[in-house]
Amino acid sequence: MSSPLVSVIVGVYNKERFVGECLRSVLAQTYPNWELIVVDDASTDASLAEIERTVGRDPRARILRRKTNSGHPGVARNEALRAARGKYVAFLDADDLWKTEKLAVQTAYMEAHSEYPLSHTACEELDENGVTLHIRHGGNLPPPGDCLEALFRHCFICTSTVMVRRDFGERLGWFTESPGYECGEDYDFFVRCARDSGIGIPPGVWAAYRNVGESISHRAANWKNRPADYMRKVLFLRRKDLWKGRVPAATMRRLAWQAAEENCQFWRARRDFAKAGWFAFQAIRHAPLSVRAWRQVVGVLTRRP
């Protein structure tokens, strides 16, 4: 296809169990004017064979094969983006799925709403066996428009539901490849988009997110790396360029200490008071006058779950 309107980007690393179904959900789209760019990030399982078996003969698909694993999802996405030709770019993680009319609905929305260079949709959450658990976030998503402060509070955007104008992404800069963002490069991108412009959301549930324990985001949230949500809040607090003039500094500090408080409560409930103590210290560091933060310290010292 010489001029696809939508470039679909799929990064893959060791997803042989899911990637075939994922790619078939792209092939099944009712909207026809797309190209598919799949980047295999040097998988060590049979992912590449499954990719080639599923889309290898489809003229709309290109497979990019990395020789070494990047260890960072932003690297594979950026490589695919450099090859993209569409006016719009849609992202799909290798263990997620699309409903058959997803591209049709979202492309029509983007064409009708030029004020939103990025849109996302609601999505289902599946277990690793493909059983639907619920609608993510209960379907309670902020309305279209300015959602920067809400996004700092919680990343309610699922990457596999996102469509963005390519010229906008190129101007803004795509995904960071910096260390420390291995499980937050997409969140960082969404925040930068929301800082720059409003975000759209067409009605309906058009994707399915699979909650798989071996994903990068789950691995990055272990104790060795500190739980990811708190660390992202700290990173954002330090990035004044993202929020200064739009969100009060007091709000950003509160989000950081509340994330520390939640982690402290989590580890206290599991009677791991060493980990809980680390987070209690972080809560006090961000909010030394907070009664709630000091209650966490008392709970740790008295070893109260």
Protein backbone atom coordinates (compact mmCIF):
# COMPACT_ATOMS: atom_id res chain seq x y z
CA MET A 1 0.00 0.00 0.00
CA SER A 2 1.61 3.26 -1.14
CA SER A 3 -0.15 5.67 1.24
CA PRO A 4 -1.72 4.03 4.29
CA LEU A 5 -3.67 6.42 6.50
CA VAL A 6 -2.82 4.49 9.69
CA SER A 7 0.45 2.86 10.71
CA VAL A 8 -0.03 0.11 13.28
CA ILE A 9 2.98 -0.42 15.56
CA VAL A 10 3.54 -3.69 17.44
CA GLY A 11 6.69 -4.34 19.49
CA VAL A 12 7.36 -7.96 20.44
CA TYR A 13 9.64 -9.66 22.91
CA ASN A 14 9.01 -13.28 23.92
CA LYS A 15 5.27 -13.28 23.37
CA GLU A 16 4.89 -16.47 21.31
CA ARG A 17 1.80 -17.46 23.29
CA PHE A 18 -0.10 -14.27 22.47
CA VAL A 19 1.38 -12.49 19.45
CA GLY A 20 -0.47 -14.55 16.82
CA GLU A 21 -3.86 -13.69 18.29
CA CYS A 22 -2.77 -10.07 18.67
CA LEU A 23 -1.78 -9.77 15.01
CA ARG A 24 -4.88 -11.56 13.80
CA SER A 25 -6.94 -8.87 15.54
CA VAL A 26 -5.19 -6.34 13.28
CA LEU A 27 -5.79 -8.41 10.14
CA ALA A 28 -9.48 -8.65 11.07
CA GLN A 29 -10.04 -4.87 11.14
CA THR A 30 -13.00 -3.65 9.12
CA TYR A 31 -11.07 -0.48 8.29
CA PRO A 32 -8.80 -1.27 5.30
CA ASN A 33 -6.33 1.63 4.90
CA TRP A 34 -3.52 0.62 7.24
CA GLU A 35 0.00 -0.73 7.30
CA LEU A 36 1.44 -2.97 10.02
CA ILE A 37 5.00 -2.64 11.35
CA VAL A 38 6.09 -5.38 13.75
CA VAL A 39 9.43 -5.15 15.55
CA ASP A 40 10.77 -8.35 17.06
CA ASP A 41 13.15 -7.23 19.82
CA ALA A 42 15.45 -10.27 19.53
CA SER A 43 12.98 -12.72 21.07
CA THR A 44 14.49 -15.94 22.39
CA ASP A 45 11.29 -17.97 22.08
CA ALA A 46 9.23 -18.74 18.97
CA SER A 47 7.72 -15.24 18.70
CA LEU A 48 9.41 -14.43 15.40
CA ALA A 49 8.21 -17.67 13.81
CA GLU A 50 4.68 -16.92 14.98
CA ILE A 51 4.88 -13.39 13.56
CA GLU A 52 6.10 -14.67 10.19
CA ARG A 53 3.43 -17.39 10.12
CA THR A 54 0.65 -14.87 10.89
CA VAL A 55 1.54 -11.83 8.76
CA GLY A 56 4.66 -12.75 6.78
CA ARG A 57 2.84 -12.95 3.42
CA ASP A 58 0.54 -9.97 3.92
CA PRO A 59 1.71 -7.06 1.71
CA ARG A 60 0.48 -4.57 4.30
CA ALA A 61 2.90 -5.91 6.93
CA ARG A 62 6.59 -5.30 7.49
CA ILE A 63 8.65 -7.23 10.03
CA LEU A 64 11.72 -5.56 11.54
CA ARG A 65 14.10 -7.99 13.23
CA ARG A 66 16.47 -6.71 15.91
CA LYS A 67 19.65 -8.72 16.49
CA THR A 68 20.01 -7.77 20.16
CA ASN A 69 17.36 -7.16 22.77
CA SER A 70 17.01 -3.53 23.81
CA GLY A 71 15.56 -4.17 27.27
CA HIS A 72 13.42 -1.07 26.74
CA PRO A 73 10.03 -1.00 24.94
CA GLY A 74 10.66 2.55 23.76
CA VAL A 75 13.53 1.38 21.56
CA ALA A 76 11.42 -1.06 19.53
CA ARG A 77 8.54 1.40 19.23
CA ASN A 78 10.83 4.19 18.02
CA GLU A 79 12.42 1.90 15.46
CA ALA A 80 8.99 1.09 14.05
CA LEU A 81 7.98 4.76 14.11
CA ARG A 82 10.95 5.69 11.95
CA ALA A 83 9.54 3.35 9.30
CA ALA A 84 5.92 4.54 9.64
CA ARG A 85 4.22 6.31 6.72
CA GLY A 86 0.67 6.90 7.95
CA LYS A 87 -0.96 10.17 8.91
CA TYR A 88 -1.92 8.43 12.15
CA VAL A 89 -0.08 5.90 14.31
CA ALA A 90 -1.87 3.29 16.42
CA PHE A 91 -0.08 1.20 19.03
CA LEU A 92 -0.82 -2.37 20.04
CA ASP A 93 1.14 -4.38 22.61
CA ALA A 94 1.93 -7.94 21.58
CA ASP A 95 -0.27 -9.55 24.23
CA ASP A 96 -3.28 -7.26 23.72
CA LEU A 97 -6.17 -7.34 21.23
CA TRP A 98 -8.38 -5.02 19.21
CA LYS A 99 -12.08 -5.25 18.50
CA THR A 100 -12.70 -5.55 14.76
CA GLU A 101 -14.04 -1.99 14.35
CA LYS A 102 -11.40 -0.30 16.49
CA LEU A 103 -9.49 1.38 13.66
CA ALA A 104 -12.68 2.36 11.82
CA VAL A 105 -14.17 4.07 14.87
CA GLN A 106 -11.01 5.78 16.02
CA THR A 107 -9.85 6.93 12.59
CA ALA A 108 -13.26 8.53 11.96
CA TYR A 109 -13.03 10.22 15.36
CA MET A 110 -9.55 11.59 14.68
CA GLU A 111 -10.62 12.88 11.25
CA ALA A 112 -13.62 14.63 12.83
CA HIS A 113 -11.71 16.06 15.82
CA SER A 114 -8.58 17.77 14.57
CA GLU A 115 -8.32 19.56 17.93
CA TYR A 116 -7.14 16.28 19.48
CA PRO A 117 -3.81 15.04 18.07
CA LEU A 118 -4.04 11.99 20.36
CA SER A 119 -7.01 9.86 21.35
CA HIS A 120 -7.50 6.69 23.38
CA THR A 121 -10.43 4.44 24.18
CA ALA A 122 -11.80 2.37 27.00
CA CYS A 123 -10.70 -1.28 27.05
CA GLU A 124 -11.44 -4.60 28.66
CA GLU A 125 -8.98 -6.34 30.93
CA LEU A 126 -8.29 -10.03 30.26
CA ASP A 127 -6.45 -12.62 32.28
CA GLU A 128 -3.60 -14.47 30.62
CA ASN A 129 -6.03 -17.09 29.33
CA GLY A 130 -8.14 -14.50 27.52
CA VAL A 131 -11.02 -14.46 29.99
CA THR A 132 -12.58 -11.00 30.37
CA LEU A 133 -12.24 -9.74 33.94
CA HIS A 134 -13.80 -6.27 33.72
CA ILE A 135 -13.59 -2.92 31.95
CA ARG A 136 -10.37 -1.20 33.00
CA HIS A 137 -10.94 1.67 35.42
CA GLY A 138 -14.60 0.74 35.42
CA GLY A 139 -14.94 2.68 32.20
CA ASN A 140 -14.62 5.86 34.27
CA LEU A 141 -12.26 7.93 32.13
CA PRO A 142 -11.86 11.72 32.10
CA PRO A 143 -13.82 13.44 29.33
CA PRO A 144 -12.08 14.73 26.20
CA GLY A 145 -9.96 17.83 26.63
CA ASP A 146 -7.48 18.95 29.26
CA CYS A 147 -6.63 15.95 31.43
CA LEU A 148 -3.04 16.75 32.51
CA GLU A 149 -3.64 16.84 36.26
CA ALA A 150 -5.83 13.72 36.12
CA LEU A 151 -3.09 11.95 34.19
CA PHE A 152 -0.50 12.84 36.83
CA ARG A 153 -2.78 11.27 39.41
CA HIS A 154 -3.09 8.00 37.51
CA CYS A 155 -2.19 6.69 34.06
CA PHE A 156 -5.67 5.84 32.80
CA ILE A 157 -4.50 5.57 29.16
CA CYS A 158 -3.83 2.06 27.86
CA THR A 159 -1.15 2.13 25.14
CA SER A 160 -3.00 -0.41 23.01
CA THR A 161 -5.92 2.02 22.65
CA VAL A 162 -3.86 5.03 21.52
CA MET A 163 -3.94 6.69 18.11
CA VAL A 164 -1.84 9.81 17.49
CA ARG A 165 -1.10 12.06 14.56
CA ARG A 166 2.38 11.21 13.34
CA ASP A 167 3.41 14.81 12.69
CA PHE A 168 2.42 15.69 16.26
CA GLY A 169 4.45 12.82 17.72
CA GLU A 170 7.47 13.74 15.61
CA ARG A 171 7.30 17.37 16.71
CA LEU A 172 6.86 16.46 20.36
CA GLY A 173 9.41 13.64 20.31
CA TRP A 174 8.37 10.01 20.54
CA PHE A 175 9.24 7.62 23.38
CA THR A 176 12.11 8.25 25.74
CA GLU A 177 14.79 5.55 25.79
CA SER A 178 16.33 6.80 29.03
CA PRO A 179 17.12 4.39 31.89
CA GLY A 180 14.46 4.47 34.57
CA TYR A 181 11.61 4.63 32.04
CA GLU A 182 11.55 0.93 31.09
CA CYS A 183 8.02 0.70 32.48
CA GLY A 184 7.00 4.31 31.98
CA GLU A 185 8.12 5.51 28.57
CA ASP A 186 4.51 5.47 27.35
CA TYR A 187 3.25 7.31 30.46
CA ASP A 188 5.93 9.97 29.91
CA PHE A 189 4.78 10.38 26.30
CA PHE A 190 1.13 10.69 27.27
CA VAL A 191 1.94 13.36 29.86
CA ARG A 192 3.95 15.35 27.31
CA CYS A 193 1.04 15.10 24.89
CA ALA A 194 -1.44 16.26 27.55
CA ARG A 195 0.86 19.14 28.45
CA ASP A 196 0.81 20.26 24.83
CA SER A 197 -2.79 19.59 23.82
CA GLY A 198 -6.13 18.13 24.80
CA ILE A 199 -6.71 14.38 24.50
CA GLY A 200 -9.71 12.82 22.79
CA ILE A 201 -11.71 9.72 23.66
CA PRO A 202 -14.24 8.18 21.27
CA PRO A 203 -17.08 6.36 23.04
CA GLY A 204 -17.05 2.59 23.29
CA VAL A 205 -14.75 -0.23 24.34
CA TRP A 206 -12.47 -1.09 21.43
CA ALA A 207 -9.50 -2.99 22.83
CA ALA A 208 -8.56 -5.64 25.36
CA TYR A 209 -5.58 -5.38 27.70
CA ARG A 210 -4.11 -8.66 28.88
CA ASN A 211 -2.86 -8.70 32.45
CA VAL A 212 0.21 -10.92 32.12
CA GLY A 213 2.58 -11.34 35.05
CA GLU A 214 5.80 -11.53 33.02
CA SER A 215 5.33 -8.17 31.29
CA ILE A 216 8.01 -5.49 31.55
CA SER A 217 5.79 -3.27 33.69
CA HIS A 218 5.21 -6.09 36.19
CA ARG A 219 8.90 -6.95 36.37
CA ALA A 220 9.86 -3.32 36.88
CA ALA A 221 7.47 -3.03 39.83
CA ASN A 222 9.39 -5.45 42.03
CA TRP A 223 11.16 -4.40 45.19
CA LYS A 224 14.63 -4.24 43.65
CA ASN A 225 13.50 -1.41 41.38
CA ARG A 226 11.01 0.08 43.87
CA PRO A 227 7.33 -0.06 42.93
CA ALA A 228 6.87 1.70 39.64
CA ASP A 229 3.94 3.97 40.51
CA TYR A 230 5.84 5.73 43.29
CA MET A 231 8.99 6.11 41.21
CA ARG A 232 7.03 7.62 38.33
CA LYS A 233 5.47 10.16 40.69
CA VAL A 234 8.96 11.14 41.89
CA LEU A 235 10.24 11.42 38.32
CA PHE A 236 7.32 13.67 37.41
CA LEU A 237 7.81 15.79 40.54
CA ARG A 238 11.38 16.46 39.41
CA ARG A 239 10.28 17.26 35.83
CA LYS A 240 9.05 20.79 36.37
CA ASP A 241 8.97 21.29 32.61
CA LEU A 242 5.95 18.96 32.52
CA TRP A 243 3.76 20.64 35.12
CA LYS A 244 5.00 24.14 35.99
CA GLY A 245 2.31 26.68 35.20
CA ARG A 246 -0.35 23.99 34.74
CA VAL A 247 -0.44 21.99 37.98
CA PRO A 248 0.45 23.42 41.42
CA ALA A 249 3.72 22.24 42.95
CA ALA A 250 1.81 21.32 46.13
CA THR A 251 -0.35 18.93 44.09
CA MET A 252 2.70 17.22 42.60
CA ARG A 253 4.29 16.81 46.05
CA ARG A 254 1.02 15.42 47.41
CA LEU A 255 0.83 12.85 44.63
CA ALA A 256 4.37 11.69 45.47
CA TRP A 257 3.79 11.30 49.18
CA GLN A 258 0.40 9.66 48.70
CA ALA A 259 2.02 7.07 46.42
CA ALA A 260 4.64 6.47 49.15
CA GLU A 261 1.86 6.18 51.74
CA GLU A 262 -0.02 3.61 49.63
CA ASN A 263 3.12 1.52 49.22
CA CYS A 264 3.82 1.73 52.95
CA GLN A 265 0.30 0.45 53.68
CA PHE A 266 0.79 -2.33 51.14
CA TRP A 267 3.99 -3.61 52.80
CA ARG A 268 2.67 -3.14 56.33
CA ALA A 269 -0.32 -5.35 55.46
CA ARG A 270 2.20 -8.01 54.40
CA ARG A 271 4.17 -7.46 57.61
CA ASP A 272 7.30 -6.52 55.70
CA PHE A 273 8.23 -3.59 57.91
CA ALA A 274 11.63 -3.00 56.35
CA LYS A 275 10.06 -2.18 53.00
CA ALA A 276 7.19 -0.33 54.69
CA GLY A 277 9.74 1.72 56.62
CA TRP A 278 11.48 2.82 53.44
CA PHE A 279 8.19 4.14 52.08
CA ALA A 280 7.25 5.76 55.39
CA PHE A 281 10.52 7.68 55.19
CA GLN A 282 9.69 8.75 51.63
CA ALA A 283 6.24 9.97 52.72
CA ILE A 284 7.81 12.07 55.49
CA ARG A 285 10.45 13.39 53.12
CA HIS A 286 7.79 14.71 50.75
CA ALA A 287 5.32 15.86 53.44
CA PRO A 288 7.08 16.42 56.80
CA LEU A 289 4.01 18.10 58.31
CA SER A 290 1.48 15.50 57.23
CA VAL A 291 -0.27 13.72 60.09
CA ARG A 292 -1.12 10.83 57.77
CA ALA A 293 2.52 10.38 56.83
CA TRP A 294 3.60 10.29 60.48
CA ARG A 295 0.91 7.73 61.21
CA GLN A 296 2.66 5.45 58.75
CA VAL A 297 5.90 5.91 60.66
CA VAL A 298 4.15 5.01 63.91
CA GLY A 299 2.59 1.96 62.26
CA VAL A 300 6.01 0.76 61.14
CA LEU A 301 7.69 1.38 64.49
CA THR A 302 4.94 -0.45 66.39
CA ARG A 303 4.89 -3.16 63.70
CA ARG A 304 1.18 -2.73 63.18
CA PRO A 305 -0.20 -4.06 59.86
